[in-house]
């Protein structure tokens, strides 16, 4: 790939990432499921657990498929399913619509998971610029976070008029990534698909992770942080309601947390360069576990601001994990490797979401948060001890 096409790929990739998530959903996602789809909070946790089970089944095969037939093709298919998912969420009036939307989301997410970052990394590698991956990925995600933050400012106001209004306004923007990917140039020539080749790639990917201490550790650490973050995210709206925060302010909170996530993502490579890998790992665990524990111990309106701290990790995590995995994966089936990591994270999240849903049925939200916070800090300490002993 020549330099001109490489630059065009990077620009299109940034556009793809910019609109990769629905723009107006974050602040009102759980409230929408509760009021428009008429679902209880525990049932939402159970639904998410089942949907992630679908991701586990599809994630690794879809990554292997991307390595064989092309990352661009699988991403396009994934975006089509994601559009269908957003359409069902926008028009939902029952739990069935929410379930269909979530299942379509799982299929679409799995098809693009790992394939998109692998496509960017291979584009850079062909030009001998793979060291720029973290900077480009971080700034691409950062740009998306700024856009989502700006949209979040008006989401609360729109929702106070009509809860469905933010979902309807955001629907057309879901097509932008599909258009951007359609113009991407595939950086690596791939082979024709066969079941035997796909199974061989799957075996190679799993074997590599089993034999690599560094990759195996990162899979475990990323899984821990991603699982806790996902469980915690679904408590945002219920916690806001618990402490009496007006819905019009939800957008302001999400604006703040997205700005923080953008700054963290944009300067991810500088943060790690200054602090070093060890301190970054400690910081990520602390920024997730401590705020959860405090919110559970003392549920007051002022502690709503602690969700902003978690978004330091949200912005930093993707470029940090992507760079670490790509540096330590010495095989060229990176999409498969990243899909394996994502699949393991989703498998653990199934247990986490289902368990937290059980706690929510039998305990209060604050007590459940205390358990979640303690669990985070304990497992985080174990993960860091493993890192120091085997890798550092």
Protein backbone atom coordinates (compact mmCIF):
# COMPACT_ATOMS: atom_id res chain seq x y z
CA UNK A 1 0.00 0.00 0.00
CA UNK A 2 1.45 3.38 -1.00
CA UNK A 3 1.69 6.32 1.40
CA UNK A 4 -1.30 8.15 -0.11
CA UNK A 5 -3.62 5.17 0.30
CA UNK A 6 -2.26 4.58 3.77
CA UNK A 7 -3.12 8.15 4.81
CA UNK A 8 -6.57 7.80 3.30
CA UNK A 9 -7.09 4.59 5.24
CA UNK A 10 -6.18 6.32 8.48
CA UNK A 11 -8.56 9.22 7.79
CA UNK A 12 -11.41 6.82 6.94
CA UNK A 13 -10.62 4.77 10.03
CA UNK A 14 -10.89 7.89 12.18
CA UNK A 15 -14.28 8.67 10.62
CA UNK A 16 -15.38 5.08 11.27
CA UNK A 17 -14.36 5.30 14.94
CA UNK A 18 -15.90 8.77 15.31
CA UNK A 19 -19.44 7.46 14.73
CA UNK A 20 -18.86 3.90 15.92
CA UNK A 21 -21.23 4.29 18.88
CA UNK A 22 -24.77 5.74 19.01
CA UNK A 23 -24.45 9.43 19.80
CA UNK A 24 -27.37 10.14 22.11
CA UNK A 25 -27.84 6.87 23.99
CA UNK A 26 -25.44 6.76 26.89
CA UNK A 27 -27.18 9.02 29.41
CA UNK A 28 -30.60 7.34 29.01
CA UNK A 29 -29.87 3.75 27.91
CA UNK A 30 -31.07 1.97 31.06
CA UNK A 31 -34.02 4.31 31.62
CA UNK A 32 -35.09 3.67 28.01
CA UNK A 33 -35.02 -0.09 28.50
CA UNK A 34 -36.99 0.26 31.73
CA UNK A 35 -39.63 2.66 30.41
CA UNK A 36 -39.89 1.97 26.68
CA UNK A 37 -39.25 -1.79 26.71
CA UNK A 38 -40.81 -2.22 30.19
CA UNK A 39 -37.92 -4.23 31.65
CA UNK A 40 -36.81 -4.48 35.28
CA UNK A 41 -33.19 -3.77 36.20
CA UNK A 42 -32.35 -7.43 37.07
CA UNK A 43 -33.91 -8.58 33.78
CA UNK A 44 -31.69 -6.09 31.92
CA UNK A 45 -28.61 -7.61 33.57
CA UNK A 46 -29.74 -11.12 32.66
CA UNK A 47 -30.45 -10.07 29.06
CA UNK A 48 -26.99 -8.55 28.75
CA UNK A 49 -25.45 -11.74 30.13
CA UNK A 50 -27.22 -13.86 27.50
CA UNK A 51 -26.28 -11.47 24.69
CA UNK A 52 -22.64 -11.55 25.74
CA UNK A 53 -22.88 -15.34 25.58
CA UNK A 54 -23.69 -14.93 21.90
CA UNK A 55 -20.63 -12.68 21.56
CA UNK A 56 -18.47 -15.39 23.11
CA UNK A 57 -19.71 -17.91 20.57
CA UNK A 58 -19.19 -15.60 17.60
CA UNK A 59 -16.18 -13.48 18.57
CA UNK A 60 -13.29 -15.84 17.85
CA UNK A 61 -14.73 -17.40 14.65
CA UNK A 62 -15.51 -13.93 13.30
CA UNK A 63 -11.92 -12.84 13.98
CA UNK A 64 -10.57 -15.87 12.15
CA UNK A 65 -12.97 -15.18 9.31
CA UNK A 66 -11.65 -11.60 9.10
CA UNK A 67 -8.07 -12.89 8.84
CA UNK A 68 -9.12 -15.15 5.95
CA UNK A 69 -11.57 -13.23 3.78
CA UNK A 70 -10.64 -9.67 4.74
CA UNK A 71 -11.20 -7.35 7.69
CA UNK A 72 -13.10 -4.84 5.54
CA UNK A 73 -15.75 -7.37 4.49
CA UNK A 74 -16.47 -8.58 8.01
CA UNK A 75 -16.65 -5.01 9.35
CA UNK A 76 -19.18 -4.07 6.67
CA UNK A 77 -21.37 -7.06 7.55
CA UNK A 78 -21.08 -6.13 11.20
CA UNK A 79 -22.16 -2.55 10.57
CA UNK A 80 -25.29 -3.72 8.75
CA UNK A 81 -26.30 -5.80 11.77
CA UNK A 82 -25.52 -2.89 14.09
CA UNK A 83 -27.82 -0.60 12.12
CA UNK A 84 -30.60 -3.15 12.46
CA UNK A 85 -29.91 -3.31 16.17
CA UNK A 86 -30.17 0.46 16.63
CA UNK A 87 -33.41 0.49 14.61
CA UNK A 88 -35.04 -2.03 16.95
CA UNK A 89 -33.90 -0.12 20.02
CA UNK A 90 -35.25 3.12 18.58
CA UNK A 91 -38.71 1.63 17.96
CA UNK A 92 -38.89 -0.74 20.95
CA UNK A 93 -42.16 -1.06 22.84
CA UNK A 94 -41.65 -4.43 24.56
CA UNK A 95 -38.92 -6.68 26.00
CA UNK A 96 -39.01 -8.69 22.75
CA UNK A 97 -37.83 -5.67 20.75
CA UNK A 98 -35.00 -5.08 23.23
CA UNK A 99 -33.96 -8.73 22.96
CA UNK A 100 -33.94 -8.64 19.14
CA UNK A 101 -31.97 -5.39 19.15
CA UNK A 102 -29.43 -6.83 21.56
CA UNK A 103 -28.98 -10.05 19.59
CA UNK A 104 -28.40 -8.10 16.38
CA UNK A 105 -25.92 -5.94 18.27
CA UNK A 106 -24.04 -9.03 19.46
CA UNK A 107 -23.70 -10.33 15.91
CA UNK A 108 -22.60 -6.95 14.52
CA UNK A 109 -20.17 -6.28 17.35
CA UNK A 110 -18.56 -9.70 16.98
CA UNK A 111 -18.07 -9.26 13.23
CA UNK A 112 -16.09 -6.04 13.68
CA UNK A 113 -14.42 -6.85 17.00
CA UNK A 114 -10.66 -7.10 16.50
CA UNK A 115 -10.96 -6.74 12.73
CA UNK A 116 -11.04 -2.94 12.88
CA UNK A 117 -7.97 -2.47 15.09
CA UNK A 118 -6.11 -5.18 13.18
CA UNK A 119 -6.88 -3.36 9.93
CA UNK A 120 -5.40 -0.13 11.29
CA UNK A 121 -2.32 -1.86 12.70
CA UNK A 122 -1.60 -3.68 9.42
CA UNK A 123 -2.07 -0.44 7.48
CA UNK A 124 0.61 1.15 9.64
CA UNK A 125 2.83 -1.92 9.53
CA UNK A 126 2.93 -1.93 5.73
CA UNK A 127 4.32 1.60 5.94
CA UNK A 128 6.73 0.77 8.76
CA UNK A 129 4.82 3.04 11.15
CA UNK A 130 3.31 0.53 13.58
CA UNK A 131 4.87 2.44 16.50
CA UNK A 132 2.28 5.16 15.80
CA UNK A 133 -0.62 2.78 16.47
CA UNK A 134 -1.27 3.92 20.05
CA UNK A 135 -1.22 7.61 19.12
CA UNK A 136 -3.56 7.21 16.14
CA UNK A 137 -5.92 4.83 17.90
CA UNK A 138 -6.00 6.99 21.02
CA UNK A 139 -6.80 10.15 19.10
CA UNK A 140 -9.43 8.40 16.98
CA UNK A 141 -11.25 7.14 20.08
CA UNK A 142 -10.72 10.55 21.68
CA UNK A 143 -12.46 12.29 18.80
CA UNK A 144 -15.46 10.00 19.20
CA UNK A 145 -15.61 10.72 22.91
CA UNK A 146 -15.67 14.47 22.27
CA UNK A 147 -18.53 14.07 19.80
CA UNK A 148 -20.50 11.84 22.19
CA UNK A 149 -19.83 14.32 24.99
CA UNK A 150 -21.27 17.20 22.98
CA UNK A 151 -24.33 15.16 22.05
CA UNK A 152 -24.79 14.15 25.69
CA UNK A 153 -25.30 17.79 26.66
CA UNK A 154 -28.63 17.87 24.84
CA UNK A 155 -29.67 14.27 25.48
CA UNK A 156 -31.08 14.99 28.92
CA UNK A 157 -33.10 17.93 27.59
CA UNK A 158 -34.43 15.91 24.66
CA UNK A 159 -35.33 13.01 26.95
CA UNK A 160 -37.22 15.32 29.29
CA UNK A 161 -39.42 16.21 26.29
CA UNK A 162 -39.79 12.67 24.97
CA UNK A 163 -37.67 9.70 26.01
CA UNK A 164 -37.64 8.28 22.48
CA UNK A 165 -36.51 11.52 20.83
CA UNK A 166 -32.73 11.13 21.40
CA UNK A 167 -32.84 7.60 19.97
CA UNK A 168 -34.62 8.75 16.80
CA UNK A 169 -32.23 11.65 16.18
CA UNK A 170 -29.18 9.38 16.53
CA UNK A 171 -30.38 6.68 14.11
CA UNK A 172 -29.12 8.19 10.78
CA UNK A 173 -25.58 8.67 12.15
CA UNK A 174 -25.19 4.90 12.56
CA UNK A 175 -24.78 4.67 8.76
CA UNK A 176 -21.65 6.88 8.70
CA UNK A 177 -19.18 4.11 9.76
CA UNK A 178 -20.64 1.80 7.10
CA UNK A 179 -19.94 4.36 4.39
CA UNK A 180 -16.43 5.04 5.72
CA UNK A 181 -15.48 1.35 5.80
CA UNK A 182 -16.77 0.87 2.25
CA UNK A 183 -13.99 3.16 0.98
CA UNK A 184 -11.19 1.56 3.02
CA UNK A 185 -8.37 -0.24 1.22
CA UNK A 186 -7.69 -3.74 2.59
CA UNK A 187 -4.01 -3.63 3.71
CA UNK A 188 -3.35 -7.37 3.61
CA UNK A 189 -4.25 -9.76 0.84
CA UNK A 190 -6.21 -12.61 2.38
CA UNK A 191 -6.81 -16.17 1.34
CA UNK A 192 -10.07 -17.74 0.21
CA UNK A 193 -12.18 -19.08 3.04
CA UNK A 194 -12.36 -22.73 4.06
CA UNK A 195 -13.51 -24.37 7.29
CA UNK A 196 -10.16 -26.17 7.64
CA UNK A 197 -8.19 -22.92 7.40
CA UNK A 198 -10.47 -21.18 9.87
CA UNK A 199 -10.16 -23.97 12.43
CA UNK A 200 -6.40 -23.93 11.95
CA UNK A 201 -6.24 -20.20 12.65
CA UNK A 202 -8.40 -20.65 15.75
CA UNK A 203 -6.08 -23.36 17.07
CA UNK A 204 -3.04 -21.20 16.34
CA UNK A 205 -4.53 -18.24 18.18
CA UNK A 206 -5.54 -20.20 21.27
CA UNK A 207 -2.16 -21.98 21.35
CA UNK A 208 -0.28 -18.69 21.13
CA UNK A 209 -2.17 -17.23 24.07
CA UNK A 210 -1.60 -20.38 26.12
CA UNK A 211 2.14 -20.23 25.49
CA UNK A 212 2.67 -16.47 25.85
CA UNK A 213 2.86 -15.29 29.46
CA UNK A 214 2.58 -11.63 28.44
CA UNK A 215 -0.48 -12.06 26.24
CA UNK A 216 -2.14 -14.41 28.72
CA UNK A 217 -1.71 -11.86 31.50
CA UNK A 218 -3.13 -9.00 29.44
CA UNK A 219 -6.15 -11.11 28.47
CA UNK A 220 -6.83 -11.64 32.17
CA UNK A 221 -6.24 -8.03 33.20
CA UNK A 222 -8.27 -6.53 30.36
CA UNK A 223 -11.04 -8.99 31.16
CA UNK A 224 -11.15 -7.88 34.79
CA UNK A 225 -11.32 -4.16 34.00
CA UNK A 226 -13.78 -4.57 31.12
CA UNK A 227 -16.14 -6.77 33.14
CA UNK A 228 -16.25 -4.47 36.16
CA UNK A 229 -16.66 -1.42 33.92
CA UNK A 230 -19.56 -3.01 32.04
CA UNK A 231 -21.37 -4.00 35.24
CA UNK A 232 -20.80 -0.56 36.74
CA UNK A 233 -22.07 1.24 33.63
CA UNK A 234 -25.50 -0.35 33.99
CA UNK A 235 -25.76 1.09 37.52
CA UNK A 236 -25.30 4.71 36.40
CA UNK A 237 -28.98 5.48 35.72
CA UNK A 238 -30.32 3.58 38.78
CA UNK A 239 -27.78 5.37 41.00
CA UNK A 240 -28.78 8.75 39.55
CA UNK A 241 -32.41 7.93 40.35
CA UNK A 242 -31.52 6.67 43.83
CA UNK A 243 -29.86 9.96 44.83
CA UNK A 244 -32.57 12.06 43.16
CA UNK A 245 -30.64 13.55 40.22
CA UNK A 246 -33.08 15.18 37.71
CA UNK A 247 -33.03 13.56 34.26
CA UNK A 248 -32.14 16.86 32.61
CA UNK A 249 -28.73 16.67 34.33
CA UNK A 250 -27.93 13.17 33.03
CA UNK A 251 -26.57 14.67 29.84
CA UNK A 252 -24.32 17.05 31.75
CA UNK A 253 -22.82 14.16 33.71
CA UNK A 254 -22.23 12.15 30.53
CA UNK A 255 -20.72 15.21 28.85
CA UNK A 256 -18.19 15.45 31.68
CA UNK A 257 -17.29 11.77 31.69
CA UNK A 258 -16.87 11.69 27.91
CA UNK A 259 -14.58 14.73 28.00
CA UNK A 260 -12.47 13.00 30.65
CA UNK A 261 -12.40 9.79 28.58
CA UNK A 262 -11.37 11.81 25.51
CA UNK A 263 -8.47 13.45 27.32
CA UNK A 264 -7.36 10.08 28.66
CA UNK A 265 -7.54 8.47 25.23
CA UNK A 266 -5.97 11.41 23.39
CA UNK A 267 -2.96 11.47 25.69
CA UNK A 268 -2.77 7.73 26.38
CA UNK A 269 0.69 7.32 24.85
CA UNK A 270 2.01 10.32 26.82
CA UNK A 271 0.45 9.10 30.07
CA UNK A 272 2.07 5.68 29.76
CA UNK A 273 5.39 7.18 28.71
CA UNK A 274 5.43 9.41 31.79
CA UNK A 275 4.06 6.96 34.38
CA UNK A 276 5.29 3.64 33.01
CA UNK A 277 3.39 0.42 32.57
CA UNK A 278 3.33 -0.56 36.26
CA UNK A 279 1.79 2.67 37.54
CA UNK A 280 -0.74 2.65 34.71
CA UNK A 281 -1.92 -0.80 35.76
CA UNK A 282 -2.25 0.26 39.42
CA UNK A 283 -4.03 3.44 38.36
CA UNK A 284 -6.59 1.63 36.23
CA UNK A 285 -7.57 -0.74 39.02
CA UNK A 286 -7.77 2.13 41.53
CA UNK A 287 -9.86 4.37 39.26
CA UNK A 288 -12.43 1.59 38.90
CA UNK A 289 -12.50 -0.09 42.31
CA UNK A 290 -12.28 2.83 44.75
CA UNK A 291 -15.12 4.98 43.28
CA UNK A 292 -17.47 1.97 43.17
CA UNK A 293 -16.75 1.22 46.82
CA UNK A 294 -17.31 4.85 47.88
CA UNK A 295 -20.58 5.12 45.95
CA UNK A 296 -21.85 2.00 47.65
CA UNK A 297 -20.74 3.00 51.14
CA UNK A 298 -22.17 6.51 50.94
CA UNK A 299 -24.93 6.93 48.28
CA UNK A 300 -25.21 10.71 48.02
CA UNK A 301 -25.73 13.03 45.08
CA UNK A 302 -22.19 14.41 45.27
CA UNK A 303 -20.75 10.95 44.56
CA UNK A 304 -22.44 10.92 41.15
CA UNK A 305 -19.28 12.75 40.06
CA UNK A 306 -17.19 9.63 40.79
CA UNK A 307 -18.38 8.00 37.55
CA UNK A 308 -16.12 10.52 35.83
CA UNK A 309 -13.07 8.86 37.42
CA UNK A 310 -13.92 5.51 35.84
CA UNK A 311 -13.86 7.16 32.44
CA UNK A 312 -10.18 7.88 32.75
CA UNK A 313 -9.84 4.12 32.37
CA UNK A 314 -12.48 3.97 29.64
CA UNK A 315 -10.48 6.33 27.43
CA UNK A 316 -7.08 4.88 28.25
CA UNK A 317 -7.94 1.17 28.04
CA UNK A 318 -8.40 0.61 24.30
CA UNK A 319 -5.10 2.14 23.10
CA UNK A 320 -3.24 0.63 26.07
CA UNK A 321 -4.52 -2.92 25.52
CA UNK A 322 -4.37 -2.69 21.72
CA UNK A 323 -0.74 -1.55 21.76
CA UNK A 324 0.28 -4.14 24.35
CA UNK A 325 -1.39 -7.00 22.46
CA UNK A 326 -0.03 -5.98 19.07
CA UNK A 327 3.51 -5.62 20.47
CA UNK A 328 3.47 -9.08 22.05
CA UNK A 329 1.61 -10.94 19.30
CA UNK A 330 4.34 -12.12 16.92
CA UNK A 331 1.97 -13.88 14.52
CA UNK A 332 0.11 -12.12 11.70
CA UNK A 333 -3.37 -13.29 12.82
CA UNK A 334 -3.89 -10.24 15.03
CA UNK A 335 -7.64 -10.03 14.39
CA UNK A 336 -8.00 -13.57 15.74
CA UNK A 337 -5.87 -12.76 18.80
CA UNK A 338 -7.80 -9.61 19.62
CA UNK A 339 -11.08 -11.47 19.14
CA UNK A 340 -9.89 -14.17 21.56
CA UNK A 341 -9.18 -11.46 24.15
CA UNK A 342 -12.59 -9.89 23.55
CA UNK A 343 -14.32 -13.27 23.74
CA UNK A 344 -12.70 -14.13 27.07
CA UNK A 345 -13.74 -10.71 28.42
CA UNK A 346 -17.31 -11.30 27.30
CA UNK A 347 -17.37 -14.77 28.83
CA UNK A 348 -16.36 -13.32 32.19
CA UNK A 349 -18.82 -10.46 31.80
CA UNK A 350 -21.63 -13.02 31.46
CA UNK A 351 -20.85 -14.28 34.96
CA UNK A 352 -20.40 -10.73 36.26
CA UNK A 353 -23.68 -9.40 34.87
CA UNK A 354 -25.71 -12.44 35.93
CA UNK A 355 -24.18 -12.37 39.42
CA UNK A 356 -24.81 -8.65 39.85
CA UNK A 357 -28.38 -9.13 38.61
CA UNK A 358 -28.83 -11.76 41.33
CA UNK A 359 -27.47 -9.35 43.95
CA UNK A 360 -29.85 -6.64 42.71
CA UNK A 361 -32.79 -8.99 43.21
CA UNK A 362 -31.84 -9.75 46.81
CA UNK A 363 -29.79 -6.74 47.98
CA UNK A 364 -29.97 -2.98 47.60
CA UNK A 365 -27.97 -1.14 44.93
CA UNK A 366 -25.51 0.36 47.48
CA UNK A 367 -24.75 -3.04 49.03
CA UNK A 368 -24.26 -4.55 45.58
CA UNK A 369 -21.83 -1.74 44.71
CA UNK A 370 -19.82 -2.38 47.87
CA UNK A 371 -19.43 -6.04 46.90
CA UNK A 372 -18.43 -5.03 43.37
CA UNK A 373 -15.86 -2.53 44.62
CA UNK A 374 -14.22 -4.96 47.03
CA UNK A 375 -14.12 -7.64 44.33
CA UNK A 376 -12.42 -5.22 41.94
CA UNK A 377 -9.68 -4.24 44.37
CA UNK A 378 -8.98 -7.83 45.46
CA UNK A 379 -8.72 -9.25 41.95
CA UNK A 380 -6.82 -6.17 40.81
CA UNK A 381 -4.21 -6.74 43.51
CA UNK A 382 -3.89 -10.39 42.49
CA UNK A 383 -3.46 -9.41 38.83
CA UNK A 384 -0.77 -6.84 39.63
CA UNK A 385 1.11 -9.35 41.81
CA UNK A 386 1.08 -11.76 38.87
CA UNK A 387 2.38 -9.02 36.58
CA UNK A 388 5.29 -8.17 38.90
CA UNK A 389 6.22 -11.81 39.39
CA UNK A 390 6.11 -12.96 35.76
CA UNK A 391 6.43 -9.97 33.44
CA UNK A 392 7.82 -6.79 34.99
